[in-house]
Amino acid sequence: MKNHLETATVFKGTSKTIQNELLQVMLDVCHEKIANEIKEAKYLAVIADETSDVSNQFQLAIVYRYISNNKPVERFWLFINPPTHDADGLSDCIINELKVTS
């Protein structure tokens, strides 16, 4: 990829749309790997923390902790903007993301 971006003369793939698509594909690959590791894990811990970012957007961070290859691992899953800030809204977000991994 690096070589292509440095040597391409016609198509460099550096438009905003292409960059966003490349990032999404990389995220999908990472999520697939994490989901496969979680399926093999005997136990799973979910770490969820909510905060406001610099633009006052409410965010929920989800991190998974489990054992992979006999070693404890902690994997960031995503930031999400929950529709509500109450316990039901947050738990719905967490449950929906857990469904993605199964």
N, C-alpha and C. Protein backbone atom coordinates (compact mmCIF):
# COMPACT_ATOMS: atom_id res chain seq x y z
N MET A 1 0.82 -1.17 0.00
CA MET A 1 0.00 0.00 0.00
C MET A 1 0.88 1.25 0.00
N LYS A 2 1.86 1.26 0.88
CA LYS A 2 2.76 2.41 0.96
C LYS A 2 3.44 2.63 -0.38
N ASN A 3 3.94 1.54 -0.97
CA ASN A 3 4.63 1.63 -2.25
C ASN A 3 3.68 2.17 -3.32
N HIS A 4 2.46 1.69 -3.34
CA HIS A 4 1.48 2.15 -4.32
C HIS A 4 1.23 3.64 -4.18
N LEU A 5 1.02 4.11 -2.95
CA LEU A 5 0.74 5.53 -2.74
C LEU A 5 1.92 6.41 -3.14
N GLU A 6 3.12 5.88 -2.99
CA GLU A 6 4.31 6.66 -3.33
C GLU A 6 4.63 6.65 -4.81
N THR A 7 4.25 5.58 -5.53
CA THR A 7 4.66 5.45 -6.93
C THR A 7 3.53 5.58 -7.95
N ALA A 8 2.28 5.52 -7.54
CA ALA A 8 1.17 5.59 -8.49
C ALA A 8 1.13 6.94 -9.18
N THR A 9 0.86 6.91 -10.49
CA THR A 9 0.80 8.16 -11.24
C THR A 9 -0.63 8.52 -11.63
N VAL A 10 -1.50 7.54 -11.76
CA VAL A 10 -2.87 7.80 -12.20
C VAL A 10 -3.83 7.80 -11.01
N PHE A 11 -3.83 6.72 -10.28
CA PHE A 11 -4.79 6.57 -9.17
C PHE A 11 -4.02 6.39 -7.87
N LYS A 12 -4.21 7.30 -6.96
CA LYS A 12 -3.50 7.21 -5.68
C LYS A 12 -4.41 6.73 -4.56
N GLY A 13 -5.72 6.83 -4.74
CA GLY A 13 -6.64 6.36 -3.71
C GLY A 13 -6.62 7.20 -2.45
N THR A 14 -6.36 8.48 -2.60
CA THR A 14 -6.25 9.31 -1.41
C THR A 14 -7.46 10.20 -1.19
N SER A 15 -8.55 9.96 -1.91
CA SER A 15 -9.74 10.77 -1.67
C SER A 15 -10.32 10.42 -0.29
N LYS A 16 -11.10 11.34 0.23
CA LYS A 16 -11.72 11.14 1.55
C LYS A 16 -12.57 9.87 1.57
N THR A 17 -13.33 9.66 0.51
CA THR A 17 -14.21 8.48 0.44
C THR A 17 -13.40 7.20 0.45
N ILE A 18 -12.36 7.14 -0.34
CA ILE A 18 -11.54 5.94 -0.41
C ILE A 18 -10.82 5.69 0.91
N GLN A 19 -10.31 6.75 1.52
CA GLN A 19 -9.65 6.59 2.82
C GLN A 19 -10.62 6.06 3.86
N ASN A 20 -11.85 6.58 3.88
CA ASN A 20 -12.85 6.11 4.83
C ASN A 20 -13.22 4.65 4.57
N GLU A 21 -13.32 4.27 3.31
CA GLU A 21 -13.62 2.88 2.97
C GLU A 21 -12.48 1.96 3.40
N LEU A 22 -11.23 2.38 3.20
CA LEU A 22 -10.09 1.58 3.64
C LEU A 22 -10.10 1.41 5.15
N LEU A 23 -10.37 2.49 5.87
CA LEU A 23 -10.45 2.41 7.33
C LEU A 23 -11.56 1.47 7.77
N GLN A 24 -12.71 1.53 7.09
CA GLN A 24 -13.83 0.66 7.45
C GLN A 24 -13.48 -0.81 7.21
N VAL A 25 -12.81 -1.09 6.10
CA VAL A 25 -12.39 -2.47 5.81
C VAL A 25 -11.41 -2.97 6.87
N MET A 26 -10.47 -2.11 7.28
CA MET A 26 -9.52 -2.52 8.33
C MET A 26 -10.25 -2.77 9.65
N LEU A 27 -11.23 -1.92 9.97
CA LEU A 27 -12.03 -2.13 11.19
C LEU A 27 -12.79 -3.44 11.11
N ASP A 28 -13.38 -3.74 9.96
CA ASP A 28 -14.12 -4.99 9.79
C ASP A 28 -13.22 -6.20 10.00
N VAL A 29 -12.00 -6.15 9.47
CA VAL A 29 -11.05 -7.25 9.64
C VAL A 29 -10.69 -7.41 11.11
N CYS A 30 -10.42 -6.31 11.79
CA CYS A 30 -10.09 -6.37 13.23
C CYS A 30 -11.26 -6.92 14.03
N HIS A 31 -12.47 -6.44 13.74
CA HIS A 31 -13.65 -6.92 14.46
C HIS A 31 -13.87 -8.41 14.22
N GLU A 32 -13.63 -8.86 13.01
CA GLU A 32 -13.79 -10.29 12.71
C GLU A 32 -12.79 -11.12 13.51
N LYS A 33 -11.55 -10.66 13.59
CA LYS A 33 -10.53 -11.37 14.36
C LYS A 33 -10.89 -11.41 15.83
N ILE A 34 -11.31 -10.28 16.38
CA ILE A 34 -11.69 -10.23 17.79
C ILE A 34 -12.90 -11.12 18.05
N ALA A 35 -13.90 -11.06 17.17
CA ALA A 35 -15.09 -11.89 17.34
C ALA A 35 -14.74 -13.37 17.33
N ASN A 36 -13.83 -13.77 16.46
CA ASN A 36 -13.40 -15.18 16.42
C ASN A 36 -12.67 -15.57 17.69
N GLU A 37 -11.83 -14.68 18.22
CA GLU A 37 -11.15 -14.97 19.49
C GLU A 37 -12.15 -15.09 20.63
N ILE A 38 -13.15 -14.22 20.64
CA ILE A 38 -14.16 -14.25 21.69
C ILE A 38 -14.95 -15.55 21.63
N LYS A 39 -15.26 -16.03 20.44
CA LYS A 39 -16.01 -17.28 20.30
C LYS A 39 -15.24 -18.46 20.88
N GLU A 40 -13.92 -18.39 20.83
CA GLU A 40 -13.08 -19.46 21.37
C GLU A 40 -12.84 -19.32 22.87
N ALA A 41 -13.09 -18.15 23.42
CA ALA A 41 -12.79 -17.89 24.83
C ALA A 41 -13.83 -18.54 25.74
N LYS A 42 -13.36 -19.01 26.88
CA LYS A 42 -14.25 -19.63 27.85
C LYS A 42 -15.03 -18.57 28.63
N TYR A 43 -14.37 -17.47 28.93
CA TYR A 43 -14.99 -16.37 29.68
C TYR A 43 -14.77 -15.07 28.93
N LEU A 44 -15.67 -14.13 29.19
CA LEU A 44 -15.58 -12.82 28.55
C LEU A 44 -15.99 -11.75 29.56
N ALA A 45 -15.18 -10.72 29.66
CA ALA A 45 -15.53 -9.55 30.48
C ALA A 45 -15.75 -8.37 29.55
N VAL A 46 -16.76 -7.59 29.85
CA VAL A 46 -17.06 -6.40 29.07
C VAL A 46 -16.75 -5.18 29.93
N ILE A 47 -15.96 -4.29 29.39
CA ILE A 47 -15.64 -3.04 30.07
C ILE A 47 -16.32 -1.94 29.27
N ALA A 48 -17.20 -1.20 29.91
CA ALA A 48 -17.90 -0.11 29.24
C ALA A 48 -17.74 1.15 30.08
N ASP A 49 -17.35 2.22 29.43
CA ASP A 49 -17.16 3.48 30.13
C ASP A 49 -17.74 4.60 29.28
N GLU A 50 -18.49 5.48 29.92
CA GLU A 50 -19.10 6.57 29.19
C GLU A 50 -18.49 7.89 29.60
N THR A 51 -18.43 8.78 28.62
CA THR A 51 -17.84 10.10 28.85
C THR A 51 -18.33 11.06 27.77
N SER A 52 -18.04 12.30 27.94
CA SER A 52 -18.29 13.30 26.90
C SER A 52 -16.96 13.66 26.26
N ASP A 53 -16.96 13.79 24.93
CA ASP A 53 -15.71 14.16 24.26
C ASP A 53 -15.58 15.69 24.23
N VAL A 54 -14.57 16.19 23.55
CA VAL A 54 -14.29 17.63 23.56
C VAL A 54 -15.41 18.46 22.94
N SER A 55 -16.21 17.87 22.09
CA SER A 55 -17.33 18.60 21.49
C SER A 55 -18.64 18.35 22.23
N ASN A 56 -18.53 17.84 23.46
CA ASN A 56 -19.68 17.53 24.31
C ASN A 56 -20.60 16.47 23.72
N GLN A 57 -20.05 15.59 22.91
CA GLN A 57 -20.79 14.43 22.42
C GLN A 57 -20.65 13.31 23.44
N PHE A 58 -21.76 12.75 23.85
CA PHE A 58 -21.75 11.64 24.80
C PHE A 58 -21.26 10.39 24.08
N GLN A 59 -20.27 9.70 24.64
CA GLN A 59 -19.71 8.50 24.01
C GLN A 59 -19.62 7.36 25.01
N LEU A 60 -19.80 6.17 24.49
CA LEU A 60 -19.62 4.95 25.27
C LEU A 60 -18.49 4.16 24.62
N ALA A 61 -17.47 3.83 25.39
CA ALA A 61 -16.37 3.00 24.90
C ALA A 61 -16.60 1.58 25.37
N ILE A 62 -16.42 0.62 24.48
CA ILE A 62 -16.58 -0.79 24.83
C ILE A 62 -15.27 -1.51 24.58
N VAL A 63 -14.82 -2.24 25.60
CA VAL A 63 -13.58 -3.01 25.54
C VAL A 63 -13.90 -4.41 26.02
N TYR A 64 -13.34 -5.41 25.37
CA TYR A 64 -13.52 -6.81 25.79
C TYR A 64 -12.22 -7.33 26.40
N ARG A 65 -12.37 -8.13 27.43
CA ARG A 65 -11.22 -8.78 28.07
C ARG A 65 -11.54 -10.28 28.11
N TYR A 66 -10.56 -11.09 27.67
CA TYR A 66 -10.75 -12.54 27.62
C TYR A 66 -9.38 -13.20 27.51
N ILE A 67 -9.38 -14.53 27.49
CA ILE A 67 -8.14 -15.30 27.36
C ILE A 67 -8.03 -15.78 25.92
N SER A 68 -6.88 -15.52 25.31
CA SER A 68 -6.60 -15.99 23.95
C SER A 68 -5.20 -16.57 23.94
N ASN A 69 -5.09 -17.81 23.47
CA ASN A 69 -3.80 -18.51 23.45
C ASN A 69 -3.15 -18.52 24.83
N ASN A 70 -3.96 -18.81 25.84
CA ASN A 70 -3.52 -18.90 27.24
C ASN A 70 -2.95 -17.60 27.78
N LYS A 71 -3.31 -16.48 27.18
CA LYS A 71 -2.86 -15.18 27.67
C LYS A 71 -4.06 -14.24 27.78
N PRO A 72 -4.10 -13.46 28.85
CA PRO A 72 -5.19 -12.48 28.94
C PRO A 72 -4.98 -11.36 27.92
N VAL A 73 -6.05 -11.00 27.24
CA VAL A 73 -5.98 -9.91 26.27
C VAL A 73 -7.12 -8.93 26.54
N GLU A 74 -6.88 -7.71 26.17
CA GLU A 74 -7.88 -6.66 26.29
C GLU A 74 -7.95 -5.98 24.93
N ARG A 75 -9.13 -6.00 24.34
CA ARG A 75 -9.29 -5.47 22.98
C ARG A 75 -10.33 -4.35 22.97
N PHE A 76 -9.91 -3.20 22.46
CA PHE A 76 -10.86 -2.11 22.25
C PHE A 76 -11.82 -2.53 21.15
N TRP A 77 -13.11 -2.32 21.36
CA TRP A 77 -14.11 -2.68 20.35
C TRP A 77 -14.57 -1.45 19.57
N LEU A 78 -15.08 -0.43 20.27
CA LEU A 78 -15.54 0.75 19.56
C LEU A 78 -15.97 1.86 20.50
N PHE A 79 -16.14 3.03 19.93
CA PHE A 79 -16.85 4.13 20.56
C PHE A 79 -18.22 4.17 19.92
N ILE A 80 -19.24 4.43 20.72
CA ILE A 80 -20.60 4.53 20.20
C ILE A 80 -21.29 5.70 20.87
N ASN A 81 -22.18 6.35 20.15
CA ASN A 81 -22.99 7.42 20.71
C ASN A 81 -24.36 6.86 21.05
N PRO A 82 -24.60 6.51 22.32
CA PRO A 82 -25.89 5.92 22.69
C PRO A 82 -27.03 6.91 22.48
N PRO A 83 -28.21 6.39 22.13
CA PRO A 83 -29.36 7.28 21.91
C PRO A 83 -29.84 7.93 23.21
N THR A 84 -29.65 7.24 24.33
CA THR A 84 -30.02 7.79 25.63
C THR A 84 -28.88 7.56 26.61
N HIS A 85 -28.94 8.26 27.73
CA HIS A 85 -27.87 8.16 28.72
C HIS A 85 -28.29 7.37 29.95
N ASP A 86 -29.46 6.76 29.91
CA ASP A 86 -29.92 6.00 31.07
C ASP A 86 -29.42 4.56 30.99
N ALA A 87 -29.67 3.81 32.05
CA ALA A 87 -29.17 2.43 32.14
C ALA A 87 -29.72 1.56 31.02
N ASP A 88 -30.98 1.75 30.66
CA ASP A 88 -31.57 0.94 29.58
C ASP A 88 -30.88 1.21 28.25
N GLY A 89 -30.64 2.47 27.95
CA GLY A 89 -29.99 2.82 26.68
C GLY A 89 -28.58 2.30 26.59
N LEU A 90 -27.83 2.43 27.70
CA LEU A 90 -26.44 1.95 27.71
C LEU A 90 -26.39 0.43 27.61
N SER A 91 -27.26 -0.23 28.38
CA SER A 91 -27.24 -1.70 28.35
C SER A 91 -27.67 -2.22 26.98
N ASP A 92 -28.62 -1.54 26.33
CA ASP A 92 -29.02 -1.95 24.98
C ASP A 92 -27.84 -1.85 24.01
N CYS A 93 -27.07 -0.78 24.10
CA CYS A 93 -25.89 -0.62 23.24
C CYS A 93 -24.89 -1.76 23.46
N ILE A 94 -24.64 -2.07 24.73
CA ILE A 94 -23.68 -3.13 25.06
C ILE A 94 -24.17 -4.47 24.55
N ILE A 95 -25.44 -4.77 24.78
CA ILE A 95 -26.02 -6.05 24.34
C ILE A 95 -25.99 -6.15 22.81
N ASN A 96 -26.32 -5.07 22.12
CA ASN A 96 -26.28 -5.09 20.65
C ASN A 96 -24.87 -5.36 20.13
N GLU A 97 -23.87 -4.79 20.76
CA GLU A 97 -22.49 -5.03 20.33
C GLU A 97 -22.06 -6.46 20.65
N LEU A 98 -22.54 -7.00 21.76
CA LEU A 98 -22.23 -8.40 22.07
C LEU A 98 -22.82 -9.34 21.02
N LYS A 99 -23.99 -8.99 20.51
CA LYS A 99 -24.63 -9.81 19.47
C LYS A 99 -23.78 -9.84 18.21
N VAL A 100 -23.09 -8.74 17.93
CA VAL A 100 -22.23 -8.67 16.74
C VAL A 100 -21.10 -9.69 16.84
N THR A 101 -20.63 -9.96 18.05
CA THR A 101 -19.50 -10.88 18.20
C THR A 101 -19.91 -12.34 18.16
N SER A 102 -21.22 -12.61 18.23
CA SER A 102 -21.64 -14.03 18.26
C SER A 102 -22.16 -14.51 16.94
